[in-house]
Amino acid sequence: MKNFIGIGVIGYGVVGSGTVAMLLKQQEKITRLVGLPVRVVALARKQQINPFPELDTIDFYQDVDSVINHPNVNIVVELIGGTSEANRIVTQALLLGKPVVTANKALIAMNGHSLFALARTHQTVIKFEAAVAGAIPIIEILQRSLSVNTISSIVGVLNGTCNFILNTMRDTTITFDQALALAKKNGFAEANPVLDVDGSDTLHKMLILVMLTHDVLIPFESCSRVGITEVDIQDIQYGQQYGYQLKLLAKCFYVNGELSIRVEPTFVDSSSMLGQLPGPMNGVEVSGNFCGTLFFAGSGAGSFPTAASVVADCVSLAKELVSDARISSRNLLPQLSNHANDNINAPWFIRLQVFDQPGSLTQVTNLFASESINIDSITQNHQYACLNDQGVFSVPIILITECISHKQLNEIVIKLEKLSIVTQRVVKYPIYKIQ
């Protein structure tokens, strides 16, 4: 047995730099926890400059394979992101029987099945706590504390960038583009934030949680996903008047043996824990048949929240390596599934702009009546009337429906947009009622 556990880190971006800094700073405490020193012995990054020239204990490379094959590396930490090269790195490490720690949610969501099988074959493991919800230990909670429960729903704010943007738009009445620029300036958004703001990042994270709780691997392409790029500040303000906050929610419901999965901007009660999540915070609500409804919250963006989960996984693996515990059977093999039912019933917030003329409101309510859709509340606000290019006034109508399916919602929207009085695209957001 060696007199230390060696860590090889691949990637030195926001999370990578935070991980290395934390491993160095907390070295004394980690040694007490593990029973042996846990050292960063190898680091790979694209840039030629070594960030730790003063530390001759860390071997610096631009070649990632040198880290994977390093004789003193016991645990490989993959933090480069993406799926192609990351998949190759993780595969190579597993082939060598080395356990892997990753924060790569896309990799686990899309390639988890094959990687877990490979880990089993080579009697090792992949740990990925940092892939979902930043500093919240949701993976550990679902895999251990709640493992005997049948999980009926998971609803969460899983992207700190989007939560920061929507909260900033609400608090300062600035546009999406302005809020995004502010998120970048404050370190809460990547230089290229497309996967965050289009909902992809959130969906990848939800698919991992579904995989853990229901033992199925749902293809990314089969799930409905709507991002926040089209969110208008006026809808956030209208929602506030009804007591709602707009959040990018990931939602999974398990009803009658079927899974329903969606990612979309959704109104939640302002007084709820989801509604009160500030800045870049993440929050996850989990409901199970024995545990009831639980809520977990924590930092979801930035270097150290995610790095804390990476380091926790490293410490957990190091403890097992020191004790010679077998770690080969940890990753379950989820069944492959090609379908996720899209039919989640919910109340809906609907905004349409109509010509300011007698009978407009009646036409709208008659259409809803003809489709047997009940309206919980309706407001026509002349305070927000606007003048179009032809010099004709139009006013917004805000409706809150009772619970309807997505199919009903889409059908009524198509018919609304065909009305001659409707002047703009109909805007709609589901409303989530807390369990």
Protein backbone atom coordinates (compact mmCIF):
# COMPACT_ATOMS: atom_id res chain seq x y z
CA MET A 1 0.00 0.00 0.00
CA LYS A 2 1.25 3.46 -0.94
CA ASN A 3 1.59 6.12 1.71
CA PHE A 4 -0.79 8.49 -0.13
CA ILE A 5 -3.75 8.50 -2.57
CA GLY A 6 -2.94 10.24 -5.86
CA ILE A 7 -5.46 12.38 -7.74
CA GLY A 8 -5.13 13.20 -11.43
CA VAL A 9 -7.17 16.21 -12.55
CA ILE A 10 -8.03 16.70 -16.23
CA GLY A 11 -9.37 20.19 -16.94
CA TYR A 12 -8.52 23.43 -15.20
CA GLY A 13 -11.49 25.68 -15.87
CA VAL A 14 -13.92 27.10 -13.31
CA VAL A 15 -14.60 23.77 -11.59
CA GLY A 16 -11.14 22.29 -12.16
CA SER A 17 -9.34 25.23 -10.59
CA GLY A 18 -11.75 25.19 -7.64
CA THR A 19 -11.21 21.45 -7.16
CA VAL A 20 -7.42 21.71 -7.10
CA ALA A 21 -7.52 24.72 -4.79
CA MET A 22 -9.84 22.92 -2.38
CA LEU A 23 -7.76 19.73 -2.37
CA LEU A 24 -4.64 21.79 -1.57
CA LYS A 25 -6.26 24.04 1.03
CA GLN A 26 -8.11 21.26 2.87
CA GLN A 27 -5.24 18.78 2.69
CA GLU A 28 -4.84 18.43 6.46
CA LYS A 29 -8.55 17.82 7.09
CA ILE A 30 -8.83 15.39 4.17
CA THR A 31 -5.87 13.42 5.52
CA ARG A 32 -7.66 13.05 8.88
CA LEU A 33 -10.85 11.90 7.13
CA VAL A 34 -9.14 9.37 4.86
CA GLY A 35 -6.30 8.16 7.03
CA LEU A 36 -3.69 8.91 4.38
CA PRO A 37 -2.72 12.09 2.51
CA VAL A 38 -4.76 12.72 -0.66
CA ARG A 39 -2.58 14.58 -3.14
CA VAL A 40 -3.03 16.10 -6.57
CA VAL A 41 -0.12 14.46 -8.37
CA ALA A 42 -0.97 15.24 -12.01
CA LEU A 43 -2.83 17.99 -13.84
CA ALA A 44 -3.72 18.38 -17.52
CA ARG A 45 -4.94 21.58 -19.16
CA LYS A 46 -4.94 23.02 -22.69
CA GLN A 47 -2.86 26.09 -21.86
CA GLN A 48 0.91 25.71 -21.84
CA ILE A 49 1.31 27.69 -18.61
CA ASN A 50 1.63 25.58 -15.47
CA PRO A 51 -0.64 27.16 -12.80
CA PHE A 52 1.53 25.68 -10.02
CA PRO A 53 5.16 26.11 -11.04
CA GLU A 54 6.15 26.38 -7.38
CA LEU A 55 4.71 22.92 -6.56
CA ASP A 56 7.10 20.24 -7.77
CA THR A 57 4.75 17.61 -6.34
CA ILE A 58 2.24 18.17 -9.19
CA ASP A 59 3.23 16.91 -12.64
CA PHE A 60 1.85 19.24 -15.31
CA TYR A 61 0.80 18.05 -18.79
CA GLN A 62 -1.08 19.21 -21.84
CA ASP A 63 -1.54 15.56 -22.79
CA VAL A 64 -4.50 14.05 -20.91
CA ASP A 65 -3.32 10.47 -21.45
CA SER A 66 -0.24 11.21 -19.36
CA VAL A 67 -2.53 11.90 -16.42
CA ILE A 68 -4.67 8.79 -16.98
CA ASN A 69 -1.60 6.54 -17.24
CA HIS A 70 0.38 8.27 -14.48
CA PRO A 71 1.69 5.55 -12.11
CA ASN A 72 0.81 7.58 -9.01
CA VAL A 73 -2.74 8.49 -10.09
CA ASN A 74 -5.27 6.34 -8.21
CA ILE A 75 -8.36 8.46 -9.00
CA VAL A 76 -9.00 10.25 -12.31
CA VAL A 77 -11.05 13.47 -12.15
CA GLU A 78 -12.58 14.46 -15.52
CA LEU A 79 -13.60 18.13 -15.69
CA ILE A 80 -13.27 19.12 -19.34
CA GLY A 81 -16.98 18.96 -20.22
CA GLY A 82 -18.47 17.86 -23.53
CA THR A 83 -19.09 14.24 -24.43
CA SER A 84 -16.69 13.00 -27.11
CA GLU A 85 -13.24 13.53 -25.58
CA ALA A 86 -14.63 13.21 -22.06
CA ASN A 87 -16.08 9.81 -22.96
CA ARG A 88 -12.68 8.70 -24.28
CA ILE A 89 -10.93 9.90 -21.11
CA VAL A 90 -13.37 8.16 -18.76
CA THR A 91 -13.36 4.98 -20.84
CA GLN A 92 -9.57 4.82 -20.80
CA ALA A 93 -9.43 5.32 -17.04
CA LEU A 94 -12.03 2.60 -16.43
CA LEU A 95 -10.16 0.18 -18.71
CA LEU A 96 -7.20 0.63 -16.38
CA GLY A 97 -9.42 -0.11 -13.39
CA LYS A 98 -9.11 3.44 -12.04
CA PRO A 99 -12.18 5.00 -10.40
CA VAL A 100 -13.42 8.22 -12.00
CA VAL A 101 -14.97 11.37 -10.58
CA THR A 102 -16.79 13.68 -13.00
CA ALA A 103 -19.04 16.74 -12.98
CA ASN A 104 -20.11 16.03 -16.57
CA LYS A 105 -23.89 15.80 -16.60
CA ALA A 106 -24.15 15.41 -20.40
CA LEU A 107 -21.70 12.52 -20.34
CA ILE A 108 -23.60 10.64 -17.62
CA ALA A 109 -27.03 11.38 -19.09
CA MET A 110 -26.06 10.26 -22.60
CA ASN A 111 -23.34 7.62 -22.05
CA GLY A 112 -23.98 6.49 -18.50
CA HIS A 113 -25.31 3.05 -19.43
CA SER A 114 -22.21 1.97 -21.37
CA LEU A 115 -19.80 3.58 -18.90
CA PHE A 116 -21.46 1.93 -15.90
CA ALA A 117 -21.23 -1.44 -17.65
CA LEU A 118 -17.55 -0.84 -18.35
CA ALA A 119 -16.92 0.15 -14.72
CA ARG A 120 -18.52 -3.09 -13.54
CA THR A 121 -16.47 -5.17 -15.94
CA HIS A 122 -13.24 -3.65 -14.67
CA GLN A 123 -14.29 -3.67 -10.99
CA THR A 124 -14.27 0.06 -10.53
CA VAL A 125 -16.77 2.93 -10.32
CA ILE A 126 -17.80 6.37 -11.59
CA LYS A 127 -18.92 8.98 -9.07
CA PHE A 128 -20.80 12.04 -10.31
CA GLU A 129 -22.28 13.94 -7.39
CA ALA A 130 -21.09 17.23 -8.91
CA ALA A 131 -23.05 16.61 -12.12
CA VAL A 132 -26.36 17.73 -10.58
CA ALA A 133 -27.30 20.71 -8.41
CA GLY A 134 -23.87 22.04 -7.47
CA ALA A 135 -23.22 21.74 -3.74
CA ILE A 136 -26.45 19.82 -2.97
CA PRO A 137 -25.60 16.13 -2.35
CA ILE A 138 -28.72 15.02 -4.23
CA ILE A 139 -27.05 11.99 -5.87
CA GLU A 140 -25.98 10.57 -2.50
CA ILE A 141 -29.42 11.29 -1.03
CA LEU A 142 -31.26 9.47 -3.82
CA GLN A 143 -28.83 6.54 -4.00
CA ARG A 144 -28.69 5.93 -0.25
CA SER A 145 -31.09 7.80 2.05
CA LEU A 146 -34.16 7.53 -0.21
CA SER A 147 -33.29 4.32 -2.07
CA VAL A 148 -36.20 2.27 -0.64
CA ASN A 149 -38.79 4.87 -1.69
CA THR A 150 -40.80 4.87 -4.89
CA ILE A 151 -40.24 8.43 -6.06
CA SER A 152 -43.46 9.93 -7.42
CA SER A 153 -42.08 13.32 -8.38
CA ILE A 154 -38.88 15.34 -8.70
CA VAL A 155 -39.25 19.05 -9.35
CA GLY A 156 -36.32 21.40 -9.27
CA VAL A 157 -34.40 24.49 -10.22
CA LEU A 158 -31.22 22.81 -11.47
CA ASN A 159 -29.40 25.59 -13.30
CA GLY A 160 -27.89 28.46 -11.33
CA THR A 161 -27.28 30.58 -14.43
CA CYS A 162 -30.96 30.58 -15.38
CA ASN A 163 -32.13 31.23 -11.84
CA PHE A 164 -29.77 34.21 -11.57
CA ILE A 165 -31.02 35.61 -14.89
CA LEU A 166 -34.74 35.26 -14.06
CA ASN A 167 -34.27 36.69 -10.56
CA THR A 168 -32.28 39.61 -11.95
CA MET A 169 -34.93 40.36 -14.59
CA ARG A 170 -37.57 40.36 -11.86
CA ASP A 171 -35.62 42.56 -9.44
CA THR A 172 -34.25 45.12 -11.91
CA THR A 173 -36.80 44.98 -14.79
CA ILE A 174 -33.98 44.54 -17.34
CA THR A 175 -34.15 42.36 -20.46
CA PHE A 176 -32.93 38.79 -20.84
CA ASP A 177 -29.86 39.90 -22.79
CA GLN A 178 -28.94 42.46 -20.14
CA ALA A 179 -29.41 39.94 -17.33
CA LEU A 180 -27.28 37.38 -19.19
CA ALA A 181 -24.48 39.93 -19.57
CA LEU A 182 -24.66 40.59 -15.83
CA ALA A 183 -24.52 36.85 -15.11
CA LYS A 184 -21.32 36.57 -17.17
CA LYS A 185 -19.82 39.57 -15.41
CA ASN A 186 -20.52 38.02 -12.00
CA GLY A 187 -19.13 34.61 -12.97
CA PHE A 188 -22.53 32.86 -13.03
CA ALA A 189 -22.58 32.17 -16.79
CA GLU A 190 -20.11 30.58 -19.18
CA ALA A 191 -18.68 32.52 -22.12
CA ASN A 192 -20.96 30.36 -24.29
CA PRO A 193 -24.09 29.83 -22.17
CA VAL A 194 -26.27 28.22 -24.86
CA LEU A 195 -26.65 24.85 -23.09
CA ASP A 196 -27.67 26.66 -19.92
CA VAL A 197 -30.25 29.06 -21.31
CA ASP A 198 -31.82 26.63 -23.82
CA GLY A 199 -32.61 24.13 -21.05
CA SER A 200 -30.19 21.39 -22.18
CA ASP A 201 -28.10 21.51 -19.01
CA THR A 202 -31.22 21.26 -16.85
CA LEU A 203 -32.60 18.32 -18.85
CA HIS A 204 -29.31 16.40 -18.65
CA LYS A 205 -29.39 16.77 -14.87
CA MET A 206 -33.01 15.64 -14.61
CA LEU A 207 -32.32 12.59 -16.75
CA ILE A 208 -29.58 11.59 -14.30
CA LEU A 209 -32.00 11.89 -11.38
CA VAL A 210 -34.59 9.84 -13.29
CA MET A 211 -31.96 7.20 -14.02
CA LEU A 212 -31.12 6.93 -10.32
CA THR A 213 -34.70 6.85 -9.03
CA HIS A 214 -36.43 4.78 -11.72
CA ASP A 215 -33.57 2.73 -13.18
CA VAL A 216 -34.28 3.85 -16.75
CA LEU A 217 -32.20 5.75 -19.25
CA ILE A 218 -34.41 8.15 -21.23
CA PRO A 219 -33.00 9.56 -24.49
CA PHE A 220 -32.44 13.30 -24.34
CA GLU A 221 -34.23 13.82 -27.67
CA SER A 222 -37.46 12.21 -26.44
CA CYS A 223 -38.08 14.84 -23.75
CA SER A 224 -39.71 18.24 -24.08
CA ARG A 225 -37.38 21.17 -23.40
CA VAL A 226 -37.99 24.94 -23.48
CA GLY A 227 -35.35 27.45 -22.42
CA ILE A 228 -35.58 31.02 -21.12
CA THR A 229 -34.31 33.04 -24.09
CA GLU A 230 -37.83 34.17 -25.04
CA VAL A 231 -38.92 35.20 -21.54
CA ASP A 232 -40.31 38.75 -21.47
CA ILE A 233 -40.03 40.90 -18.37
CA GLN A 234 -43.72 41.82 -18.60
CA ASP A 235 -44.75 38.18 -18.06
CA ILE A 236 -42.55 37.99 -14.95
CA GLN A 237 -44.31 41.15 -13.71
CA TYR A 238 -47.79 39.82 -14.57
CA GLY A 239 -46.97 36.62 -12.73
CA GLN A 240 -45.96 38.56 -9.63
CA GLN A 241 -49.39 40.21 -9.61
CA TYR A 242 -50.91 36.73 -9.27
CA GLY A 243 -48.43 35.72 -6.55
CA TYR A 244 -46.07 33.72 -8.79
CA GLN A 245 -42.35 33.67 -9.60
CA LEU A 246 -41.01 32.38 -12.92
CA LYS A 247 -38.40 29.60 -12.70
CA LEU A 248 -36.82 27.24 -15.21
CA LEU A 249 -38.17 24.01 -13.74
CA ALA A 250 -37.21 20.42 -14.42
CA LYS A 251 -40.22 18.21 -13.69
CA CYS A 252 -40.57 14.46 -13.49
CA PHE A 253 -43.81 12.78 -12.43
CA TYR A 254 -44.34 9.03 -12.07
CA VAL A 255 -48.04 8.26 -12.40
CA ASN A 256 -49.68 4.90 -13.12
CA GLY A 257 -46.38 3.36 -14.13
CA GLU A 258 -45.52 6.12 -16.62
CA LEU A 259 -42.87 8.83 -16.45
CA SER A 260 -43.58 12.40 -17.54
CA ILE A 261 -40.51 14.60 -17.98
CA ARG A 262 -40.37 18.24 -19.01
CA VAL A 263 -38.05 21.25 -18.71
CA GLU A 264 -39.68 24.65 -19.20
CA PRO A 265 -40.13 28.09 -17.62
CA THR A 266 -42.86 27.60 -15.04
CA PHE A 267 -44.65 29.80 -12.54
CA VAL A 268 -44.45 28.73 -8.89
CA ASP A 269 -45.96 30.27 -5.76
CA SER A 270 -43.87 33.21 -4.55
CA SER A 271 -44.15 31.96 -0.96
CA SER A 272 -42.87 28.46 -1.80
CA MET A 273 -39.29 27.33 -1.24
CA LEU A 274 -38.80 27.00 -5.00
CA GLY A 275 -40.21 30.48 -5.51
CA GLN A 276 -37.89 32.00 -2.92
CA LEU A 277 -34.62 30.57 -4.31
CA PRO A 278 -32.35 33.64 -4.70
CA GLY A 279 -29.55 34.42 -7.15
CA PRO A 280 -27.91 31.31 -8.62
CA MET A 281 -29.28 28.93 -5.96
CA ASN A 282 -30.55 25.46 -6.88
CA GLY A 283 -33.42 23.65 -5.19
CA VAL A 284 -34.88 20.15 -5.55
CA GLU A 285 -38.24 18.92 -4.27
CA VAL A 286 -38.51 15.12 -4.01
CA SER A 287 -41.70 13.20 -3.14
CA GLY A 288 -41.68 9.52 -2.19
CA ASN A 289 -44.18 7.02 -0.84
CA PHE A 290 -42.41 6.69 2.53
CA CYS A 291 -40.40 9.90 2.93
CA GLY A 292 -43.19 12.28 1.91
CA THR A 293 -42.08 15.54 0.29
CA LEU A 294 -38.56 16.79 0.99
CA PHE A 295 -36.79 19.92 -0.20
CA PHE A 296 -33.06 20.47 -0.68
CA ALA A 297 -31.38 23.77 -1.57
CA GLY A 298 -27.84 25.03 -2.09
CA SER A 299 -25.45 26.93 -4.32
CA GLY A 300 -25.74 25.85 -7.94
CA ALA A 301 -23.22 27.92 -9.89
CA GLY A 302 -19.64 29.03 -9.48
CA SER A 303 -16.32 27.35 -8.83
CA PHE A 304 -16.45 26.14 -5.23
CA PRO A 305 -20.04 24.81 -4.87
CA THR A 306 -19.49 22.28 -7.66
CA ALA A 307 -15.86 21.67 -6.67
CA ALA A 308 -17.06 20.79 -3.16
CA SER A 309 -19.04 17.88 -4.59
CA VAL A 310 -16.08 16.77 -6.73
CA VAL A 311 -13.80 16.75 -3.69
CA ALA A 312 -16.40 14.92 -1.61
CA ASP A 313 -16.46 12.14 -4.23
CA CYS A 314 -12.66 12.01 -4.21
CA VAL A 315 -12.61 11.69 -0.42
CA SER A 316 -15.25 8.95 -0.50
CA LEU A 317 -13.24 6.94 -3.05
CA ALA A 318 -9.98 7.55 -1.20
CA LYS A 319 -11.48 6.13 2.00
CA GLU A 320 -12.47 2.96 0.16
CA LEU A 321 -9.08 2.62 -1.47
CA VAL A 322 -7.40 2.95 1.92
CA SER A 323 -9.68 0.30 3.47
CA ASP A 324 -9.41 -1.97 0.40
CA ALA A 325 -13.21 -1.95 0.16
CA ARG A 326 -14.64 -3.32 -3.06
CA ILE A 327 -16.11 -0.48 -5.12
CA SER A 328 -17.03 -2.41 -8.24
CA SER A 329 -20.77 -2.84 -7.78
CA ARG A 330 -21.80 0.78 -7.14
CA ASN A 331 -23.05 1.76 -10.62
CA LEU A 332 -26.38 0.14 -11.46
CA LEU A 333 -27.22 -0.66 -15.06
CA PRO A 334 -30.41 1.24 -15.96
CA GLN A 335 -32.80 -0.15 -18.53
CA LEU A 336 -32.93 1.68 -21.84
CA SER A 337 -36.24 3.38 -22.54
CA ASN A 338 -37.31 5.25 -25.66
CA HIS A 339 -40.34 6.97 -24.28
CA ALA A 340 -41.29 9.54 -21.70
CA ASN A 341 -44.97 10.44 -21.49
CA ASP A 342 -45.41 14.16 -22.15
CA ASN A 343 -48.87 14.55 -20.68
CA ILE A 344 -48.44 16.49 -17.43
CA ASN A 345 -51.66 18.27 -16.42
CA ALA A 346 -51.30 21.75 -14.95
CA PRO A 347 -52.98 25.14 -14.69
CA TRP A 348 -51.64 27.56 -17.31
CA PHE A 349 -50.84 31.26 -17.45
CA ILE A 350 -51.81 32.57 -20.91
CA ARG A 351 -51.21 36.07 -22.25
CA LEU A 352 -52.64 37.26 -25.52
CA GLN A 353 -52.71 40.69 -27.12
CA VAL A 354 -56.07 41.60 -28.68
CA PHE A 355 -57.54 44.61 -30.48
CA ASP A 356 -59.08 47.04 -28.01
CA GLN A 357 -62.64 46.79 -29.31
CA PRO A 358 -66.04 45.65 -28.00
CA GLY A 359 -66.49 41.88 -28.01
CA SER A 360 -62.81 40.89 -27.90
CA LEU A 361 -63.01 39.44 -24.41
CA THR A 362 -66.23 37.61 -25.27
CA GLN A 363 -64.64 35.93 -28.31
CA VAL A 364 -61.81 34.65 -26.13
CA THR A 365 -64.03 33.31 -23.33
CA ASN A 366 -66.42 31.71 -25.84
CA LEU A 367 -63.53 29.82 -27.43
CA PHE A 368 -62.45 28.44 -24.06
CA ALA A 369 -66.05 27.42 -23.31
CA SER A 370 -66.32 25.62 -26.65
CA GLU A 371 -63.19 23.60 -25.75
CA SER A 372 -64.59 22.79 -22.26
CA ILE A 373 -61.65 24.54 -20.57
CA ASN A 374 -62.47 26.35 -17.33
CA ILE A 375 -60.92 29.75 -16.70
CA ASP A 376 -59.87 30.31 -13.11
CA SER A 377 -59.27 34.05 -13.59
CA ILE A 378 -59.13 36.55 -16.44
CA THR A 379 -57.90 40.15 -16.62
CA GLN A 380 -58.02 42.69 -19.43
CA ASN A 381 -55.73 45.52 -18.44
CA HIS A 382 -56.12 48.78 -20.39
CA GLN A 383 -53.25 50.25 -18.39
CA TYR A 384 -50.91 48.30 -20.70
CA ALA A 385 -52.62 49.18 -23.97
CA CYS A 386 -50.22 49.76 -26.88
CA LEU A 387 -50.47 51.31 -30.35
CA ASN A 388 -49.48 49.25 -33.39
CA ASP A 389 -48.01 50.47 -36.70
CA GLN A 390 -51.50 51.01 -38.12
CA GLY A 391 -52.49 53.29 -35.25
CA VAL A 392 -54.80 50.70 -33.66
CA PHE A 393 -54.77 50.06 -29.93
CA SER A 394 -54.43 46.56 -28.47
CA VAL A 395 -54.56 45.36 -24.88
CA PRO A 396 -53.26 42.27 -23.06
CA ILE A 397 -55.63 39.64 -21.71
CA ILE A 398 -54.21 37.44 -18.94
CA LEU A 399 -55.90 34.11 -18.23
CA ILE A 400 -55.23 31.48 -15.60
CA THR A 401 -56.80 28.15 -16.57
CA GLU A 402 -57.73 25.25 -14.40
CA CYS A 403 -55.72 22.02 -14.88
CA ILE A 404 -55.47 20.95 -18.51
CA SER A 405 -53.15 18.69 -20.50
CA HIS A 406 -50.42 19.90 -22.81
CA LYS A 407 -52.48 18.57 -25.71
CA GLN A 408 -55.46 20.72 -24.70
CA LEU A 409 -53.19 23.71 -24.17
CA ASN A 410 -51.57 23.41 -27.60
CA GLU A 411 -54.94 23.00 -29.31
CA ILE A 412 -56.46 26.08 -27.67
CA VAL A 413 -53.36 28.18 -28.46
CA ILE A 414 -53.59 27.29 -32.15
CA LYS A 415 -57.23 28.36 -32.19
CA LEU A 416 -56.54 31.55 -30.25
CA GLU A 417 -53.86 32.62 -32.73
CA LYS A 418 -56.35 32.15 -35.58
CA LEU A 419 -58.75 34.70 -34.08
CA SER A 420 -58.72 37.94 -36.07
CA ILE A 421 -58.62 40.00 -32.86
CA VAL A 422 -55.33 38.44 -31.65
CA THR A 423 -52.41 40.60 -32.74
CA GLN A 424 -49.35 38.69 -31.45
CA ARG A 425 -48.07 35.21 -30.67
CA VAL A 426 -49.79 33.77 -27.60
CA VAL A 427 -47.50 33.45 -24.59
CA LYS A 428 -48.08 30.57 -22.18
CA TYR A 429 -46.42 29.18 -19.04
CA PRO A 430 -47.47 26.24 -16.85
CA ILE A 431 -48.11 26.81 -13.15
CA TYR A 432 -46.68 24.30 -10.70
CA LYS A 433 -48.65 23.79 -7.53
CA ILE A 434 -46.31 22.63 -4.75
CA GLN A 435 -46.94 19.06 -3.55
